[in-house]
Structures are given as structure tokens and as C-alpha cells.
């Protein structure tokens, strides 16, 4: 009877957590408070304090998570260097007479910038600042332009070195190197699907993306190629060294992140963009984001330890397995839940709280956790584009105030459909995610 009582107590614990988050309580402190209260009710304060000490110590000793602040700092310094603006400008001028050239420029830059930052909010904001005014002045369709910018910005959640994948690795007990390798092909696939859609729409209806006006096209092509080279080669080389060292096994994710952070600082100095005030601001922003993520990691680990000790995950596993559904149907149910939770919640609580609850079910069904992690990443990327919340819309609206929020939503929903198609590809063809890590690291 006591075990059953504790299992039901765990359900109340989840309900209290969701209610507190939805009404705006700070997530980390909510998790710690609920862990202490329900732990004390379920199995006593002494064991609860022991679990809290153990989980916080374990979180602080997780070396992989040290890569988080380093990758975040790398992204802010790359933004400070202004390389993406130069690259975007060069591409738009190189393809000036091509229909839909600005769409292609946005998507190309979003892949590079996504690999450089791994932060969706920063990517959407920078892409909006770079492209929105130029697209409006060139007569581009607002809805398709908004969809391209927001969809391209969300690639940062998937393309390595994604901060989400760094955090997800220890949670799902999958090497981060495997997740980085597994995310490369799906990330490129999503960018290709976006490109085919936008250029196809422009081919059918040229008014959606007309060529640039003649007065915006320079006569000297050599200057354009110079800007393209200076904008593309340095960040690409930096990312290649950082990611290549990680994927090849020459460096751990933390060491690779350290190389990337140092390299971004060198690039900022080399391009004459270094400033103590800007660097200080980048360090403060890095500190804010890193503390938010890492403290939440420790709090969620403690919450999850109490929840598991109550026995509720075993009860949920038994219920789901008792439904007599196959693994595919259960994965679809889990992805649907992740998609719906992605509306009101950011990826951090979903990855740190929801996935550990459902992990025992997936282990029982012998689901490949690397493949499942990429499915979750693509699913959460889709949630960033899905009304009614769709945080990407508000990031873009903040830097493009002249664009109507309704038009931004319409544009995003087009690309949300493409996202679902891409998610279906990864679901039906697991080798899209599993081939590269298997090729690099074997079974």
C-alpha cells in the first residue's frame, strides 16, 4: 500500500510542477521545493537531503556540461565579430539577379550561424536584423520571408554544437559526440528542405522573391568575392576545427568548446571588432545563460531522483507497456507530448524533466536512444515554429516591428509543415541519424 501511495504521490508531484511552471514560478526553485516537500512526504527528510546533496554534487562533477558556457561564449563572440553580416551581404550581392536570392542567403547564413551559436533566440534575432529590412525594400513576400528567417534561426537547436544536445547527452546517457554526429545529416536535410520550398515557391510565383533592384547591385565583383571569403572561411575553419576535433575523438566536447571559444576571441580581435565593453557584455550574457541551464540541470536531477524514488516512473512504464502498443506508436505518443509541451515550455525543462520520466519506457522497448534524441530535437525545433506560443515569432517581431504578427505566424506555419515532413523522414528512416555515428564510431 505504501509503494502504491508513493507512486500516486509522484503523479501529484508532476501535476504541481506543471501548474507552478505554467503560472510563472521560477523553474529551478520550484523543482527544488517540490523535491524536498514530496520527498519528505514519501520517504523522509533524511533520505531527501541525501539525494539532493548527491545529485547536486554529481551535476557539478559532470565534465561534459562544462562545454555549455564555452559554446555560449563562442556564439556571442562570433556575433560580435560581425562575420554573419558580411557573409549575408556578400551572398545577396553574388546572387542579386536570381529569384529568391535573399531566401537562399538567409538559409545559408543560418546554417553557419546555427553551427556557431546553437542558441535559437540569438540566431532568429541576428537573421532578422540582417535580412528583414533588405527583404522589405526588395519587395519580398512578408510571410515567406518571416517563415524563412524563423525556420533558419531554429536550425541552431539541431545543428552541432547545439547546447541542447550537450545537455541531452548526460540526461539520456548517450555520448555527446554521438549526438553531434547524428544531428549533422538531419540538420542539413532540414536546411535543404527549406531551400527547395522557398526557391520552388519563387519559381512558381516570381513576385514572392524578385531579383534585387539594379541600384543595389555593385559593378565590382571582386569586392563581393572578397567579402564572401572573409565572411565564410574564418567561421567555417573555426567550426571545422572545434567540431572536427570532437567528432574525430581528438578532443572531448569540453576541450573542443574551449578551442572554439578561444578561436572566436582571436577572430574578433583579427577583424578589429574587439572591445572591452562588448566582451564584458558577452561574458555577462554567457554567465546568465550558463547559470540558468546548469542550475536547472542540478535542480532537475534532484527532482528526478525523488520522483524515481517514489516509484512513479515504473508505474508509468507498466501502464504504457500494458496498452499493447508497438514501440513506434509509443514513440509517436511521446513525440506528440513533447511537441505540445514545446508550446508553453522551453527545451530546458522538457529535456531535463520530461525525458527522464519517459526514458525507462524507451529502454524497456529497446529503442535506440541516439535516434530518439534526434527525433526529440527535430520535434522541439518544430515547436519553436508552432502557434499559439512560437517564441521565434516574438524574437522576429522585436527586430522587425513593421511586420504584422499574423503574417509572421502564417509564414512560420508553412515551415512547420516542412518540419513535420522532415521529422517523418527521420522517424521512417533512422539511418539518417544513425549512419554517421555508426560510420565514425562503430556500433
Protein backbone atom coordinates (compact mmCIF):
# COMPACT_ATOMS: atom_id res chain seq x y z
CA UNK A 1 0.00 0.00 0.00
CA UNK A 2 2.90 2.35 0.84
CA UNK A 3 4.54 1.79 -2.56
CA UNK A 4 1.23 2.50 -4.35
CA UNK A 5 0.75 5.61 -2.22
CA UNK A 6 4.21 6.88 -3.18
CA UNK A 7 3.55 6.23 -6.87
CA UNK A 8 0.35 8.29 -6.74
CA UNK A 9 2.25 10.93 -4.77
CA UNK A 10 4.64 11.16 -7.72
CA UNK A 11 1.74 11.96 -10.05
CA UNK A 12 0.71 14.80 -7.75
CA UNK A 13 4.33 15.94 -7.81
CA UNK A 14 4.29 16.19 -11.63
CA UNK A 15 0.94 17.97 -11.57
CA UNK A 16 2.20 20.51 -9.03
CA UNK A 17 5.34 21.06 -11.11
CA UNK A 18 3.42 21.75 -14.35
CA UNK A 19 0.96 24.03 -12.56
CA UNK A 20 3.76 26.05 -10.92
CA UNK A 21 5.66 26.43 -14.20
CA UNK A 22 2.58 27.44 -16.19
CA UNK A 23 1.64 30.22 -13.76
CA UNK A 24 5.17 31.63 -13.83
CA UNK A 25 7.11 30.36 -10.81
CA UNK A 26 10.92 30.07 -11.36
CA UNK A 27 11.53 26.55 -12.61
CA UNK A 28 14.71 25.73 -10.68
CA UNK A 29 13.45 26.79 -7.26
CA UNK A 30 10.10 25.13 -7.94
CA UNK A 31 11.82 21.80 -8.64
CA UNK A 32 13.95 22.01 -5.50
CA UNK A 33 10.98 22.97 -3.31
CA UNK A 34 8.75 20.21 -4.71
CA UNK A 35 11.56 17.67 -4.43
CA UNK A 36 12.05 18.46 -0.74
CA UNK A 37 8.31 18.50 0.08
CA UNK A 38 7.30 15.35 -1.77
CA UNK A 39 10.49 13.54 -0.82
CA UNK A 40 9.83 14.24 2.86
CA UNK A 41 6.24 13.05 2.48
CA UNK A 42 7.22 9.92 0.59
CA UNK A 43 10.32 8.57 2.31
CA UNK A 44 11.51 11.09 4.89
CA UNK A 45 13.60 14.23 5.09
CA UNK A 46 16.91 12.46 5.82
CA UNK A 47 16.94 10.50 2.54
CA UNK A 48 15.66 13.55 0.66
CA UNK A 49 18.58 15.71 1.81
CA UNK A 50 20.97 12.90 0.93
CA UNK A 51 19.52 12.71 -2.60
CA UNK A 52 19.76 16.48 -3.01
CA UNK A 53 23.41 16.52 -1.93
CA UNK A 54 24.27 13.57 -4.16
CA UNK A 55 22.54 14.96 -7.26
CA UNK A 56 23.92 18.48 -6.93
CA UNK A 57 27.44 17.11 -6.45
CA UNK A 58 27.03 14.76 -9.41
CA UNK A 59 25.81 17.62 -11.62
CA UNK A 60 28.75 19.82 -10.69
CA UNK A 61 31.17 16.99 -11.45
CA UNK A 62 29.70 16.29 -14.93
CA UNK A 63 32.59 17.37 -17.16
CA UNK A 64 30.53 17.43 -20.38
CA UNK A 65 28.39 20.28 -19.06
CA UNK A 66 31.48 22.49 -18.84
CA UNK A 67 31.13 22.83 -22.62
CA UNK A 68 27.90 24.82 -22.21
CA UNK A 69 29.39 28.19 -21.16
CA UNK A 70 32.25 27.80 -23.65
CA UNK A 71 29.92 27.22 -26.63
CA UNK A 72 27.64 30.06 -25.46
CA UNK A 73 30.62 32.45 -25.24
CA UNK A 74 31.79 31.31 -28.68
CA UNK A 75 28.39 32.23 -30.12
CA UNK A 76 28.35 35.71 -28.58
CA UNK A 77 31.89 36.45 -29.77
CA UNK A 78 31.09 35.30 -33.30
CA UNK A 79 28.11 37.64 -33.21
CA UNK A 80 30.37 40.47 -32.00
CA UNK A 81 32.85 39.84 -34.84
CA UNK A 82 30.13 40.69 -37.38
CA UNK A 83 31.07 37.83 -39.69
CA UNK A 84 27.47 36.83 -40.39
CA UNK A 85 26.52 40.30 -41.62
CA UNK A 86 29.44 40.29 -44.05
CA UNK A 87 28.58 36.82 -45.29
CA UNK A 88 24.89 37.66 -45.76
CA UNK A 89 25.69 40.85 -47.63
CA UNK A 90 28.15 39.06 -49.93
CA UNK A 91 25.75 36.23 -50.76
CA UNK A 92 22.84 38.55 -51.51
CA UNK A 93 25.04 40.56 -53.90
CA UNK A 94 26.51 37.46 -55.56
CA UNK A 95 23.01 36.13 -56.30
CA UNK A 96 21.43 39.55 -56.86
CA UNK A 97 19.81 38.70 -60.21
CA UNK A 98 18.47 35.34 -59.01
CA UNK A 99 14.83 34.95 -57.94
CA UNK A 100 14.58 34.34 -54.21
CA UNK A 101 18.27 35.08 -53.64
CA UNK A 102 17.66 36.58 -50.20
CA UNK A 103 15.87 33.42 -49.04
CA UNK A 104 18.90 31.39 -50.07
CA UNK A 105 21.24 33.87 -48.37
CA UNK A 106 19.26 33.67 -45.11
CA UNK A 107 19.25 29.88 -45.09
CA UNK A 108 22.94 29.60 -45.97
CA UNK A 109 23.93 32.02 -43.21
CA UNK A 110 21.55 30.34 -40.75
CA UNK A 111 23.39 27.01 -41.16
CA UNK A 112 26.77 28.66 -40.49
CA UNK A 113 25.41 30.78 -37.64
CA UNK A 114 23.49 27.85 -36.16
CA UNK A 115 26.72 25.88 -36.02
CA UNK A 116 28.47 28.87 -34.45
CA UNK A 117 25.95 29.65 -31.71
CA UNK A 118 23.47 26.85 -31.02
CA UNK A 119 21.12 29.47 -29.49
CA UNK A 120 17.76 29.89 -31.27
CA UNK A 121 16.90 33.30 -29.87
CA UNK A 122 20.23 34.81 -30.94
CA UNK A 123 20.02 33.25 -34.42
CA UNK A 124 16.49 34.49 -35.17
CA UNK A 125 17.29 37.96 -33.84
CA UNK A 126 20.51 38.38 -35.85
CA UNK A 127 18.94 36.98 -39.04
CA UNK A 128 16.00 39.36 -38.59
CA UNK A 129 18.28 42.35 -38.14
CA UNK A 130 20.32 41.41 -41.21
CA UNK A 131 17.54 40.40 -43.60
CA UNK A 132 14.14 41.90 -42.68
CA UNK A 133 14.79 45.46 -43.90
CA UNK A 134 16.51 44.33 -47.09
CA UNK A 135 13.70 41.88 -47.89
CA UNK A 136 11.04 44.54 -47.35
CA UNK A 137 12.91 47.06 -49.51
CA UNK A 138 13.34 44.44 -52.26
CA UNK A 139 9.61 43.64 -52.40
CA UNK A 140 9.81 40.15 -50.88
CA UNK A 141 6.68 38.44 -49.57
CA UNK A 142 6.50 39.16 -45.83
CA UNK A 143 5.03 35.78 -44.91
CA UNK A 144 7.58 33.70 -46.79
CA UNK A 145 10.38 35.97 -45.59
CA UNK A 146 9.27 35.64 -41.94
CA UNK A 147 8.99 31.88 -42.27
CA UNK A 148 12.48 31.63 -43.79
CA UNK A 149 14.08 33.73 -41.04
CA UNK A 150 12.38 31.95 -38.14
CA UNK A 151 12.87 28.46 -39.59
CA UNK A 152 16.52 29.16 -40.41
CA UNK A 153 17.05 30.50 -36.90
CA UNK A 154 15.73 27.32 -35.30
CA UNK A 155 18.43 25.25 -37.02
CA UNK A 156 20.69 26.23 -34.12
CA UNK A 157 18.77 23.86 -31.85
CA UNK A 158 19.72 20.92 -34.09
CA UNK A 159 22.99 21.63 -35.89
CA UNK A 160 26.06 20.90 -33.72
CA UNK A 161 27.36 22.25 -31.44
CA UNK A 162 23.80 22.57 -30.18
CA UNK A 163 23.63 23.48 -26.48
CA UNK A 164 20.54 21.29 -26.21
CA UNK A 165 22.44 18.23 -27.43
CA UNK A 166 25.22 18.91 -24.91
CA UNK A 167 22.64 18.87 -22.10
CA UNK A 168 20.63 15.98 -23.55
CA UNK A 169 23.62 13.63 -23.75
CA UNK A 170 24.08 13.07 -20.00
CA UNK A 171 20.29 13.05 -19.46
CA UNK A 172 19.72 10.18 -21.90
CA UNK A 173 23.11 8.60 -21.13
CA UNK A 174 24.27 8.98 -24.73
CA UNK A 175 27.75 10.29 -25.65
CA UNK A 176 27.54 13.89 -26.83
CA UNK A 177 29.87 13.02 -29.70
CA UNK A 178 27.28 10.51 -30.95
CA UNK A 179 24.54 13.15 -30.77
CA UNK A 180 26.67 15.70 -32.63
CA UNK A 181 27.38 13.21 -35.40
CA UNK A 182 23.75 12.06 -35.52
CA UNK A 183 22.41 15.62 -35.86
CA UNK A 184 24.53 16.67 -38.85
CA UNK A 185 22.61 14.91 -41.65
CA UNK A 186 19.11 15.75 -40.28
CA UNK A 187 20.20 19.39 -39.81
CA UNK A 188 21.47 19.66 -43.37
CA UNK A 189 18.35 17.85 -44.61
CA UNK A 190 16.09 20.43 -42.93
CA UNK A 191 18.06 23.29 -44.48
CA UNK A 192 17.78 21.64 -47.93
CA UNK A 193 14.01 21.15 -47.49
CA UNK A 194 13.63 24.83 -46.57
CA UNK A 195 15.67 25.85 -49.61
CA UNK A 196 13.72 23.67 -52.03
CA UNK A 197 10.45 25.03 -50.71
CA UNK A 198 11.39 28.72 -50.91
CA UNK A 199 13.06 28.51 -54.32
CA UNK A 200 10.20 26.36 -55.62
CA UNK A 201 7.66 28.95 -54.49
CA UNK A 202 9.69 31.69 -56.19
CA UNK A 203 9.94 29.68 -59.39
CA UNK A 204 6.15 29.27 -59.46
CA UNK A 205 5.50 32.87 -58.42
CA UNK A 206 8.48 35.21 -59.04
CA UNK A 207 6.75 38.09 -57.24
CA UNK A 208 7.42 36.32 -53.92
CA UNK A 209 11.17 36.89 -54.28
CA UNK A 210 12.11 39.25 -57.12
CA UNK A 211 15.72 39.95 -58.04
CA UNK A 212 17.40 42.86 -56.26
CA UNK A 213 16.95 46.32 -57.79
CA UNK A 214 19.72 47.32 -60.16
CA UNK A 215 20.79 50.21 -57.94
CA UNK A 216 21.66 47.68 -55.19
CA UNK A 217 23.93 45.60 -57.44
CA UNK A 218 27.60 46.70 -57.39
CA UNK A 219 29.69 46.62 -60.53
CA UNK A 220 32.90 45.40 -58.92
CA UNK A 221 32.52 41.63 -58.40
CA UNK A 222 35.99 41.24 -56.87
CA UNK A 223 34.91 43.15 -53.73
CA UNK A 224 31.92 40.83 -53.39
CA UNK A 225 34.10 37.73 -53.58
CA UNK A 226 36.48 39.25 -51.03
CA UNK A 227 33.62 39.86 -48.58
CA UNK A 228 32.30 36.35 -49.20
CA UNK A 229 35.71 34.83 -48.48
CA UNK A 230 36.26 36.92 -45.33
CA UNK A 231 32.75 36.15 -44.07
CA UNK A 232 32.72 32.41 -44.83
CA UNK A 233 36.22 30.99 -44.42
CA UNK A 234 37.14 32.12 -40.87
CA UNK A 235 33.96 30.90 -39.12
CA UNK A 236 33.91 27.72 -41.21
CA UNK A 237 37.53 26.92 -40.32
CA UNK A 238 36.86 27.64 -36.64
CA UNK A 239 33.76 25.43 -36.56
CA UNK A 240 35.56 22.72 -38.54
CA UNK A 241 38.45 22.66 -36.05
CA UNK A 242 36.18 22.70 -32.99
CA UNK A 243 33.67 20.15 -34.29
CA UNK A 244 36.23 18.11 -36.20
CA UNK A 245 38.34 17.61 -33.10
CA UNK A 246 35.28 16.45 -31.16
CA UNK A 247 33.89 14.12 -33.84
CA UNK A 248 37.30 12.61 -34.60
CA UNK A 249 37.90 11.86 -30.94
CA UNK A 250 40.94 14.12 -30.68
CA UNK A 251 39.19 16.27 -28.07
CA UNK A 252 36.32 15.93 -25.64
CA UNK A 253 33.28 18.21 -26.14
CA UNK A 254 34.61 20.47 -23.39
CA UNK A 255 38.07 20.71 -24.95
CA UNK A 256 36.56 21.34 -28.39
CA UNK A 257 34.34 24.04 -26.91
CA UNK A 258 37.41 25.63 -25.34
CA UNK A 259 39.11 25.70 -28.76
CA UNK A 260 36.02 27.28 -30.29
CA UNK A 261 35.75 29.93 -27.57
CA UNK A 262 39.43 30.87 -27.89
CA UNK A 263 39.22 30.88 -31.69
CA UNK A 264 36.18 33.17 -31.67
CA UNK A 265 38.07 35.60 -29.44
CA UNK A 266 41.02 35.57 -31.85
CA UNK A 267 38.69 36.19 -34.83
CA UNK A 268 37.05 39.11 -33.06
CA UNK A 269 40.46 40.70 -32.46
CA UNK A 270 41.62 39.95 -36.02
CA UNK A 271 38.56 41.65 -37.54
CA UNK A 272 39.03 44.72 -35.36
CA UNK A 273 35.74 44.19 -33.53
CA UNK A 274 37.16 43.53 -30.09
CA UNK A 275 36.09 45.90 -27.35
CA UNK A 276 36.29 45.56 -23.59
CA UNK A 277 32.71 46.74 -23.10
CA UNK A 278 31.29 44.31 -25.69
CA UNK A 279 33.39 41.46 -24.37
CA UNK A 280 32.26 42.20 -20.82
CA UNK A 281 28.63 42.15 -22.01
CA UNK A 282 29.27 38.83 -23.77
CA UNK A 283 30.72 37.38 -20.57
CA UNK A 284 27.72 38.59 -18.54
CA UNK A 285 25.27 37.10 -21.05
CA UNK A 286 27.25 33.85 -21.05
CA UNK A 287 27.14 33.77 -17.27
CA UNK A 288 23.37 34.38 -17.20
CA UNK A 289 22.55 31.65 -19.73
CA UNK A 290 25.04 29.15 -18.28
CA UNK A 291 23.83 29.61 -14.70
CA UNK A 292 20.23 29.26 -15.85
CA UNK A 293 20.96 25.98 -17.64
CA UNK A 294 23.41 24.43 -15.18
CA UNK A 295 21.44 25.28 -12.06
CA UNK A 296 18.35 23.86 -13.72
CA UNK A 297 20.32 20.69 -14.55
CA UNK A 298 21.16 20.20 -10.87
CA UNK A 299 17.60 21.02 -9.72
CA UNK A 300 16.01 18.71 -12.27
CA UNK A 301 18.39 15.87 -11.37
CA UNK A 302 17.31 16.19 -7.75
CA UNK A 303 13.64 16.39 -8.75
CA UNK A 304 14.06 13.32 -10.97
CA UNK A 305 15.83 11.38 -8.23
CA UNK A 306 12.95 11.99 -5.80
CA UNK A 307 10.40 11.18 -8.49
CA UNK A 308 12.17 7.90 -9.32
CA UNK A 309 12.49 7.00 -5.63
CA UNK A 310 8.72 7.37 -5.31
CA UNK A 311 8.34 4.64 -7.96
CA UNK A 312 6.13 6.59 -10.37
CA UNK A 313 8.32 6.03 -13.49
CA UNK A 314 7.94 2.26 -13.04
CA UNK A 315 4.18 2.67 -12.78
CA UNK A 316 4.08 4.82 -15.94
CA UNK A 317 6.25 2.26 -17.75
CA UNK A 318 3.91 -0.58 -16.76
CA UNK A 319 0.85 1.40 -17.89
CA UNK A 320 2.31 2.27 -21.29
CA UNK A 321 3.58 -1.24 -21.90
CA UNK A 322 0.19 -2.58 -20.82
CA UNK A 323 -1.52 -0.64 -23.61
CA UNK A 324 -0.23 -3.27 -26.02
CA UNK A 325 1.11 -0.65 -28.43
CA UNK A 326 4.20 -1.23 -30.50
CA UNK A 327 7.38 0.82 -29.99
CA UNK A 328 6.55 3.07 -32.96
CA UNK A 329 3.17 4.08 -31.57
CA UNK A 330 4.60 4.78 -28.11
CA UNK A 331 7.37 6.93 -29.64
CA UNK A 332 4.72 8.86 -31.60
CA UNK A 333 2.77 9.41 -28.37
CA UNK A 334 5.91 10.68 -26.61
CA UNK A 335 6.82 12.99 -29.50
CA UNK A 336 3.27 14.37 -29.53
CA UNK A 337 3.59 15.12 -25.81
CA UNK A 338 6.99 16.81 -26.37
CA UNK A 339 5.51 18.85 -29.24
CA UNK A 340 2.58 20.06 -27.14
CA UNK A 341 4.79 20.87 -24.15
CA UNK A 342 7.05 22.80 -26.51
CA UNK A 343 4.35 25.46 -26.84
CA UNK A 344 4.38 26.80 -23.26
CA UNK A 345 7.83 25.50 -22.21
CA UNK A 346 11.36 25.95 -23.49
CA UNK A 347 13.53 22.95 -24.30
CA UNK A 348 15.38 23.03 -20.96
CA UNK A 349 12.57 21.75 -18.66
CA UNK A 350 11.37 19.31 -21.33
CA UNK A 351 14.80 17.72 -21.76
CA UNK A 352 15.68 17.75 -18.07
CA UNK A 353 12.33 16.79 -16.53
CA UNK A 354 10.04 15.08 -19.05
CA UNK A 355 12.57 12.88 -20.89
CA UNK A 356 14.00 11.20 -17.75
CA UNK A 357 10.44 10.28 -16.73
CA UNK A 358 9.82 8.57 -20.06
CA UNK A 359 13.29 7.09 -20.52
CA UNK A 360 12.52 3.79 -18.68
CA UNK A 361 9.74 3.07 -21.19
CA UNK A 362 12.12 3.54 -24.12
CA UNK A 363 14.79 1.37 -22.50
CA UNK A 364 12.22 -1.37 -21.90
CA UNK A 365 11.24 -1.21 -25.59
CA UNK A 366 14.93 -1.32 -26.65
CA UNK A 367 14.68 2.00 -28.53
CA UNK A 368 17.94 3.42 -29.86
CA UNK A 369 18.46 6.48 -27.64
CA UNK A 370 20.66 8.33 -30.14
CA UNK A 371 17.89 8.13 -32.75
CA UNK A 372 15.27 9.11 -30.18
CA UNK A 373 17.32 12.14 -29.07
CA UNK A 374 17.44 13.45 -32.65
CA UNK A 375 13.69 12.88 -33.01
CA UNK A 376 13.14 14.97 -29.88
CA UNK A 377 15.49 17.69 -31.18
CA UNK A 378 13.62 17.95 -34.50
CA UNK A 379 10.30 17.87 -32.65
CA UNK A 380 11.33 20.72 -30.34
CA UNK A 381 12.59 22.64 -33.36
CA UNK A 382 9.08 22.25 -34.78
CA UNK A 383 7.55 23.55 -31.55
CA UNK A 384 9.53 26.79 -31.94
CA UNK A 385 7.52 27.40 -35.14
CA UNK A 386 4.13 26.34 -33.84
CA UNK A 387 1.39 28.75 -32.70
CA UNK A 388 -0.05 29.69 -30.25
CA UNK A 389 3.23 30.46 -28.45
CA UNK A 390 6.03 30.14 -31.06
CA UNK A 391 8.76 32.14 -29.34
CA UNK A 392 10.57 32.63 -32.67
CA UNK A 393 7.74 34.91 -33.80
CA UNK A 394 8.34 37.30 -30.90
CA UNK A 395 12.10 37.34 -31.45
CA UNK A 396 11.50 38.35 -35.08
CA UNK A 397 8.74 40.84 -34.24
CA UNK A 398 11.13 42.57 -31.85
CA UNK A 399 13.59 43.40 -34.66
CA UNK A 400 11.01 43.77 -37.47
CA UNK A 401 8.24 45.85 -35.83
CA UNK A 402 6.71 46.79 -39.20
CA UNK A 403 5.82 43.16 -39.93
CA UNK A 404 2.40 42.10 -38.72
CA UNK A 405 2.47 39.27 -36.15
CA UNK A 406 -0.29 37.50 -38.08
CA UNK A 407 1.87 37.42 -41.22
CA UNK A 408 4.81 36.09 -39.20
CA UNK A 409 2.59 33.32 -37.85
CA UNK A 410 1.34 32.41 -41.34
CA UNK A 411 4.90 32.24 -42.61
CA UNK A 412 6.05 30.08 -39.71
CA UNK A 413 3.21 27.60 -40.13
CA UNK A 414 4.31 26.87 -43.71
CA UNK A 415 7.72 25.83 -42.44
CA UNK A 416 6.19 23.97 -39.51
CA UNK A 417 4.64 21.63 -42.09
CA UNK A 418 8.08 21.15 -43.68
CA UNK A 419 9.45 20.42 -40.21
CA UNK A 420 6.85 17.70 -39.71
CA UNK A 421 7.81 16.20 -43.07
CA UNK A 422 11.48 16.20 -42.00
CA UNK A 423 10.54 14.66 -38.64
CA UNK A 424 8.68 11.94 -40.56
CA UNK A 425 11.78 11.25 -42.66
CA UNK A 426 13.95 10.79 -39.55
CA UNK A 427 11.27 8.61 -37.96
CA UNK A 428 10.79 6.35 -41.00
CA UNK A 429 14.49 6.27 -41.97
CA UNK A 430 16.51 6.05 -38.71
CA UNK A 431 19.75 5.75 -40.69
CA UNK A 432 19.52 9.48 -41.42
CA UNK A 433 20.54 9.93 -37.79
CA UNK A 434 22.43 6.70 -37.13
CA UNK A 435 24.61 6.24 -40.20
CA UNK A 436 27.25 8.88 -39.43
CA UNK A 437 27.84 7.98 -35.75
CA UNK A 438 27.98 4.32 -36.74
CA UNK A 439 30.46 5.15 -39.51
CA UNK A 440 32.64 7.22 -37.15
CA UNK A 441 32.44 5.15 -34.00
CA UNK A 442 31.15 1.72 -34.99
CA UNK A 443 28.32 0.07 -33.04
